[in-house]
Amino acid sequence: MRMPLLALLAKEPAHGYELKMQLEQIFGEAYPSPNIGQVYVTLQRLERDGLVCSQDVVQATRPNKRVYELTEAGREALVQWMDRPSEGPRVRDDFFMKLALSQLTGSSAGLGLINRQRRHYLGLMRSLSELAEGSDRCIPRLLIEGAMLHLQADLEWLQRCQEELV
């Protein structure tokens, strides 16, 4: 949540609710809507860390609003984040941990684990397909397609696990 907020503030100062709405507008239903409380807590932490500064803006007919702005340190942190490659595949996978440990117990739980995980992935794939059908915007559509490709790879990997371990 920290870096996406910094990225939005790089364009222009904004208050928490505006930032939440911008995230929802950019990513659509493909990405979980941020909790407004989480947005404000994150902004407070960013301010404490010197990455943003804020000021109260007086409004005539409404309560004052706190507007946040990127600091030079925040701009530098954003550049570093953008330049750094994102994490690759996760090696510490909860499902695989269960599967590997079920092999140690000598139980036949492995096939059940694989089948439950496969059903879960297929359910996620169906949900994403429905989301994709309703998405006419580029960013949400690409996010959904990427998630579906990851799920497809995970399904193929489950088949390999079944062939090798069960």
Protein backbone atom coordinates (compact mmCIF):
# COMPACT_ATOMS: atom_id res chain seq x y z
CA MET A 1 0.00 0.00 0.00
CA ARG A 2 2.93 2.36 0.73
CA MET A 3 4.41 2.56 -2.74
CA PRO A 4 1.14 2.81 -4.68
CA LEU A 5 0.18 5.78 -2.49
CA LEU A 6 3.55 7.42 -3.14
CA ALA A 7 3.07 6.85 -6.87
CA LEU A 8 -0.33 8.55 -6.81
CA LEU A 9 1.04 11.46 -4.79
CA ALA A 10 3.87 11.91 -7.33
CA LYS A 11 1.23 13.24 -9.73
CA GLU A 12 -0.40 15.68 -7.31
CA PRO A 13 -1.22 16.23 -3.63
CA ALA A 14 -4.40 14.50 -2.44
CA HIS A 15 -6.30 13.45 0.65
CA GLY A 16 -6.86 9.85 1.71
CA TYR A 17 -10.32 9.38 0.21
CA GLU A 18 -9.15 10.71 -3.17
CA LEU A 19 -6.25 8.25 -3.12
CA LYS A 20 -8.58 5.36 -2.33
CA MET A 21 -10.87 6.36 -5.20
CA GLN A 22 -7.93 6.68 -7.61
CA LEU A 23 -6.74 3.16 -6.76
CA GLU A 24 -10.24 1.81 -7.32
CA GLN A 25 -10.53 3.68 -10.62
CA ILE A 26 -7.15 2.46 -11.91
CA PHE A 27 -7.46 -1.21 -10.92
CA GLY A 28 -11.22 -1.69 -10.98
CA GLU A 29 -12.73 -4.82 -9.47
CA ALA A 30 -9.65 -6.86 -10.35
CA TYR A 31 -7.83 -5.59 -7.28
CA PRO A 32 -9.28 -5.62 -3.77
CA SER A 33 -10.52 -2.19 -2.80
CA PRO A 34 -8.31 -0.70 -0.10
CA ASN A 35 -9.83 -0.09 3.29
CA ILE A 36 -10.02 3.66 3.92
CA GLY A 37 -8.64 3.11 7.43
CA GLN A 38 -5.63 1.32 5.95
CA VAL A 39 -5.07 4.22 3.56
CA TYR A 40 -5.02 6.78 6.38
CA VAL A 41 -2.82 4.64 8.66
CA THR A 42 -0.38 4.15 5.79
CA LEU A 43 -0.35 7.90 5.07
CA GLN A 44 0.41 8.61 8.74
CA ARG A 45 3.31 6.13 8.63
CA LEU A 46 4.60 7.64 5.40
CA GLU A 47 4.52 11.05 7.06
CA ARG A 48 6.27 9.73 10.17
CA ASP A 49 8.97 8.28 7.88
CA GLY A 50 9.41 11.62 6.10
CA LEU A 51 8.16 10.38 2.72
CA VAL A 52 5.09 12.64 2.66
CA CYS A 53 4.06 15.83 4.42
CA SER A 54 0.54 17.04 5.04
CA GLN A 55 -1.45 20.12 5.80
CA ASP A 56 -5.02 20.83 6.77
CA VAL A 57 -7.11 22.48 4.07
CA VAL A 58 -10.03 24.55 5.30
CA GLN A 59 -13.36 23.85 3.61
CA ALA A 60 -16.26 26.26 3.98
CA THR A 61 -19.14 23.81 4.28
CA ARG A 62 -17.34 20.65 5.39
CA PRO A 63 -14.77 19.67 7.98
CA ASN A 64 -11.14 20.44 7.17
CA LYS A 65 -9.35 17.83 5.11
CA ARG A 66 -5.74 16.72 5.41
CA VAL A 67 -3.93 16.84 2.06
CA TYR A 68 -0.74 14.82 1.60
CA GLU A 69 2.17 15.69 -0.65
CA LEU A 70 5.26 13.76 -1.64
CA THR A 71 8.56 14.92 -0.12
CA GLU A 72 11.91 14.70 -1.86
CA ALA A 73 12.68 11.59 0.23
CA GLY A 74 9.35 10.12 -0.88
CA ARG A 75 10.16 10.86 -4.51
CA GLU A 76 13.54 9.11 -4.10
CA ALA A 77 11.91 6.08 -2.41
CA LEU A 78 9.43 5.87 -5.28
CA VAL A 79 12.20 5.99 -7.91
CA GLN A 80 14.10 3.23 -6.06
CA TRP A 81 10.95 1.09 -5.88
CA MET A 82 10.19 1.57 -9.57
CA ASP A 83 13.78 0.69 -10.54
CA ARG A 84 13.94 -2.46 -8.39
CA PRO A 85 12.77 -5.76 -9.92
CA SER A 86 9.73 -7.29 -8.24
CA GLU A 87 9.93 -10.57 -6.37
CA GLY A 88 9.90 -13.69 -8.47
CA PRO A 89 8.31 -17.04 -7.72
CA ARG A 90 7.61 -17.81 -4.10
CA VAL A 91 9.68 -20.69 -2.83
CA ARG A 92 8.01 -20.85 0.57
CA ASP A 93 4.58 -21.99 -0.57
CA ASP A 94 2.06 -22.99 2.09
CA PHE A 95 0.41 -25.61 -0.11
CA PHE A 96 3.69 -27.26 -1.07
CA MET A 97 4.75 -27.29 2.57
CA LYS A 98 1.57 -29.24 3.41
CA LEU A 99 2.09 -31.60 0.49
CA ALA A 100 5.74 -32.29 1.30
CA LEU A 101 5.00 -32.88 4.97
CA SER A 102 2.07 -35.18 4.15
CA GLN A 103 4.59 -37.36 2.33
CA LEU A 104 6.63 -37.71 5.53
CA THR A 105 3.68 -38.97 7.51
CA GLY A 106 3.13 -41.81 5.07
CA SER A 107 -0.50 -40.81 4.70
CA SER A 108 -2.36 -40.79 1.43
CA ALA A 109 -3.48 -37.22 2.07
CA GLY A 110 -1.38 -35.92 -0.85
CA LEU A 111 -3.94 -36.63 -3.56
CA GLY A 112 -6.70 -35.06 -1.46
CA LEU A 113 -4.57 -31.96 -0.89
CA ILE A 114 -3.84 -31.68 -4.61
CA ASN A 115 -7.49 -32.13 -5.59
CA ARG A 116 -8.71 -29.54 -3.05
CA GLN A 117 -6.10 -27.07 -4.26
CA ARG A 118 -7.01 -27.79 -7.89
CA ARG A 119 -10.72 -27.14 -7.15
CA HIS A 120 -9.78 -23.92 -5.37
CA TYR A 121 -7.70 -22.72 -8.33
CA LEU A 122 -10.45 -23.63 -10.79
CA GLY A 123 -12.96 -21.66 -8.72
CA LEU A 124 -10.62 -18.67 -8.72
CA MET A 125 -10.21 -19.05 -12.48
CA ARG A 126 -14.00 -18.98 -12.96
CA SER A 127 -14.30 -15.86 -10.81
CA LEU A 128 -11.54 -14.15 -12.73
CA SER A 129 -13.13 -15.12 -16.05
CA GLU A 130 -16.36 -13.46 -14.96
CA LEU A 131 -14.43 -10.35 -13.93
CA ALA A 132 -12.60 -10.31 -17.27
CA GLU A 133 -15.87 -10.42 -19.21
CA GLY A 134 -17.07 -7.30 -17.42
CA SER A 135 -13.83 -5.36 -17.76
CA ASP A 136 -13.44 -3.01 -20.68
CA ARG A 137 -10.47 -1.07 -19.25
CA CYS A 138 -6.87 -1.99 -20.03
CA ILE A 139 -5.25 -2.01 -16.55
CA PRO A 140 -7.85 -4.22 -14.81
CA ARG A 141 -8.00 -6.53 -17.84
CA LEU A 142 -4.21 -7.00 -17.86
CA LEU A 143 -4.19 -7.61 -14.10
CA ILE A 144 -6.87 -10.28 -14.48
CA GLU A 145 -5.10 -11.91 -17.44
CA GLY A 146 -1.84 -12.04 -15.46
CA ALA A 147 -3.59 -13.67 -12.50
CA MET A 148 -5.24 -16.20 -14.80
CA LEU A 149 -1.90 -17.09 -16.42
CA HIS A 150 -0.40 -17.61 -12.94
CA LEU A 151 -3.32 -19.86 -12.01
CA GLN A 152 -2.92 -21.82 -15.23
CA ALA A 153 0.75 -22.38 -14.41
CA ASP A 154 -0.19 -23.38 -10.86
CA LEU A 155 -2.67 -25.93 -12.23
CA GLU A 156 0.02 -27.41 -14.46
CA TRP A 157 2.38 -27.51 -11.50
CA LEU A 158 -0.23 -29.34 -9.43
CA GLN A 159 -0.41 -31.96 -12.19
CA ARG A 160 3.38 -32.37 -11.99
CA CYS A 161 3.17 -32.70 -8.20
CA GLN A 162 0.55 -35.40 -8.61
CA GLU A 163 2.67 -37.28 -11.14
CA GLU A 164 5.83 -37.08 -9.05
CA LEU A 165 4.58 -37.46 -5.50
CA VAL A 166 1.31 -39.39 -5.53
